[in-house]
C-alpha cells in the first residue's frame, strides 16, 4: 500500500513539474524615435572602432541601410539565407 501511495504521489509531483504555465505576453513599449535625428549609415560605420569592426570589400553579404527594430528579424533571415555554411539553413 505504501508503495502505491509513493508511486501516485511521485507521479502527481512529476506531472506538476512538467506542466507549463502561460505567461503574459506583454508588448514592450519603446519610446518613439520619430523626432530624433540619426547619423547616416556611412557616418555611423566610420565612427565604429576599427579594432573590433572590419568591413570586407569582397563580403558575400554587405548592407548599409537604416531599418526599424521590428525589421531586424527579417534582415537576419535574409542574411542566413545567403549563407550556405550556416548550420540548419537549407
C-alpha atoms as a PDB file:
ATOM      1  CA  UNK A   1       0.000   0.000   0.000  1.00  0.00           C
ATOM      2  CA  UNK A   2       2.821   2.414   0.871  1.00  0.00           C
ATOM      3  CA  UNK A   3       4.489   1.627  -2.421  1.00  0.00           C
ATOM      4  CA  UNK A   4       1.303   2.521  -4.317  1.00  0.00           C
ATOM      5  CA  UNK A   5       0.923   5.811  -2.421  1.00  0.00           C
ATOM      6  CA  UNK A   6       4.557   6.697  -3.172  1.00  0.00           C
ATOM      7  CA  UNK A   7       4.069   5.946  -6.860  1.00  0.00           C
ATOM      8  CA  UNK A   8       0.888   8.055  -7.073  1.00  0.00           C
ATOM      9  CA  UNK A   9       2.496  10.909  -5.138  1.00  0.00           C
ATOM     10  CA  UNK A  10       5.617  10.792  -7.328  1.00  0.00           C
ATOM     11  CA  UNK A  11       3.514  10.711 -10.474  1.00  0.00           C
ATOM     12  CA  UNK A  12       1.498  13.746  -9.351  1.00  0.00           C
ATOM     13  CA  UNK A  13       4.678  15.567  -8.400  1.00  0.00           C
ATOM     14  CA  UNK A  14       6.363  14.965 -11.778  1.00  0.00           C
ATOM     15  CA  UNK A  15       3.212  15.911 -13.688  1.00  0.00           C
ATOM     16  CA  UNK A  16       3.117  19.145 -11.729  1.00  0.00           C
ATOM     17  CA  UNK A  17       6.772  19.853 -12.613  1.00  0.00           C
ATOM     18  CA  UNK A  18       6.207  19.237 -16.302  1.00  0.00           C
ATOM     19  CA  UNK A  19       3.158  21.498 -16.530  1.00  0.00           C
ATOM     20  CA  UNK A  20       3.863  24.731 -18.331  1.00  0.00           C
ATOM     21  CA  UNK A  21       2.063  27.829 -17.286  1.00  0.00           C
ATOM     22  CA  UNK A  22       1.145  30.538 -19.743  1.00  0.00           C
ATOM     23  CA  UNK A  23       2.996  33.750 -19.138  1.00  0.00           C
ATOM     24  CA  UNK A  24       1.596  37.105 -20.005  1.00  0.00           C
ATOM     25  CA  UNK A  25       2.833  38.232 -23.377  1.00  0.00           C
ATOM     26  CA  UNK A  26       3.141  41.901 -22.627  1.00  0.00           C
ATOM     27  CA  UNK A  27       4.121  44.062 -25.525  1.00  0.00           C
ATOM     28  CA  UNK A  28       7.068  46.250 -24.630  1.00  0.00           C
ATOM     29  CA  UNK A  29       6.579  49.906 -25.357  1.00  0.00           C
ATOM     30  CA  UNK A  30       9.746  51.527 -26.576  1.00  0.00           C
ATOM     31  CA  UNK A  31       9.975  55.308 -26.652  1.00  0.00           C
ATOM     32  CA  UNK A  32       9.269  56.848 -30.019  1.00  0.00           C
ATOM     33  CA  UNK A  33      12.294  57.774 -32.124  1.00  0.00           C
ATOM     34  CA  UNK A  34      10.225  59.697 -34.620  1.00  0.00           C
ATOM     35  CA  UNK A  35      11.584  63.099 -33.592  1.00  0.00           C
ATOM     36  CA  UNK A  36      15.190  62.001 -33.092  1.00  0.00           C
ATOM     37  CA  UNK A  37      17.853  62.548 -35.672  1.00  0.00           C
ATOM     38  CA  UNK A  38      20.263  59.795 -36.611  1.00  0.00           C
ATOM     39  CA  UNK A  39      23.533  59.931 -38.483  1.00  0.00           C
ATOM     40  CA  UNK A  40      23.752  58.471 -41.959  1.00  0.00           C
ATOM     41  CA  UNK A  41      24.873  54.895 -42.479  1.00  0.00           C
ATOM     42  CA  UNK A  42      28.312  55.895 -43.754  1.00  0.00           C
ATOM     43  CA  UNK A  43      28.961  58.247 -40.834  1.00  0.00           C
ATOM     44  CA  UNK A  44      27.874  55.529 -38.398  1.00  0.00           C
ATOM     45  CA  UNK A  45      30.284  52.961 -39.848  1.00  0.00           C
ATOM     46  CA  UNK A  46      33.139  55.467 -39.921  1.00  0.00           C
ATOM     47  CA  UNK A  47      32.636  56.102 -36.186  1.00  0.00           C
ATOM     48  CA  UNK A  48      32.983  52.415 -35.269  1.00  0.00           C
ATOM     49  CA  UNK A  49      36.122  51.208 -33.553  1.00  0.00           C
ATOM     50  CA  UNK A  50      38.284  49.698 -36.294  1.00  0.00           C
ATOM     51  CA  UNK A  51      39.826  47.293 -33.771  1.00  0.00           C
ATOM     52  CA  UNK A  52      36.536  45.440 -33.333  1.00  0.00           C
ATOM     53  CA  UNK A  53      34.851  46.107 -36.672  1.00  0.00           C
ATOM     54  CA  UNK A  54      36.232  45.489 -40.118  1.00  0.00           C
ATOM     55  CA  UNK A  55      34.276  45.703 -43.333  1.00  0.00           C
ATOM     56  CA  UNK A  56      35.393  43.409 -46.118  1.00  0.00           C
ATOM     57  CA  UNK A  57      35.282  44.677 -49.699  1.00  0.00           C
ATOM     58  CA  UNK A  58      34.523  41.234 -51.119  1.00  0.00           C
ATOM     59  CA  UNK A  59      31.967  40.210 -48.484  1.00  0.00           C
ATOM     60  CA  UNK A  60      29.226  37.810 -49.560  1.00  0.00           C
ATOM     61  CA  UNK A  61      26.598  39.963 -47.857  1.00  0.00           C
ATOM     62  CA  UNK A  62      27.053  43.616 -47.013  1.00  0.00           C
ATOM     63  CA  UNK A  63      24.220  46.071 -46.440  1.00  0.00           C
ATOM     64  CA  UNK A  64      24.246  49.603 -45.146  1.00  0.00           C
ATOM     65  CA  UNK A  65      20.771  50.880 -44.510  1.00  0.00           C
ATOM     66  CA  UNK A  66      18.595  52.119 -41.709  1.00  0.00           C
ATOM     67  CA  UNK A  67      15.985  49.639 -40.563  1.00  0.00           C
ATOM     68  CA  UNK A  68      13.298  49.583 -37.929  1.00  0.00           C
ATOM     69  CA  UNK A  69      13.751  47.376 -34.880  1.00  0.00           C
ATOM     70  CA  UNK A  70      10.867  45.172 -35.996  1.00  0.00           C
ATOM     71  CA  UNK A  71      12.685  44.553 -39.309  1.00  0.00           C
ATOM     72  CA  UNK A  72      15.809  43.113 -37.658  1.00  0.00           C
ATOM     73  CA  UNK A  73      14.442  39.549 -37.710  1.00  0.00           C
ATOM     74  CA  UNK A  74      13.688  39.814 -41.445  1.00  0.00           C
ATOM     75  CA  UNK A  75      17.185  41.110 -42.169  1.00  0.00           C
ATOM     76  CA  UNK A  76      18.716  38.304 -40.126  1.00  0.00           C
ATOM     77  CA  UNK A  77      16.629  35.774 -42.056  1.00  0.00           C
ATOM     78  CA  UNK A  78      17.808  37.275 -45.365  1.00  0.00           C
ATOM     79  CA  UNK A  79      21.402  37.096 -44.170  1.00  0.00           C
ATOM     80  CA  UNK A  80      21.076  33.463 -43.114  1.00  0.00           C
ATOM     81  CA  UNK A  81      19.503  32.529 -46.447  1.00  0.00           C
ATOM     82  CA  UNK A  82      22.603  33.833 -48.232  1.00  0.00           C
ATOM     83  CA  UNK A  83      24.987  31.865 -46.009  1.00  0.00           C
ATOM     84  CA  UNK A  84      25.142  28.222 -47.158  1.00  0.00           C
ATOM     85  CA  UNK A  85      27.639  27.337 -44.436  1.00  0.00           C
ATOM     86  CA  UNK A  86      25.258  28.186 -41.572  1.00  0.00           C
ATOM     87  CA  UNK A  87      24.008  25.010 -39.887  1.00  0.00           C
ATOM     88  CA  UNK A  88      20.271  24.433 -40.134  1.00  0.00           C
ATOM     89  CA  UNK A  89      19.676  26.641 -43.164  1.00  0.00           C
ATOM     90  CA  UNK A  90      18.645  24.978 -46.384  1.00  0.00           C
END
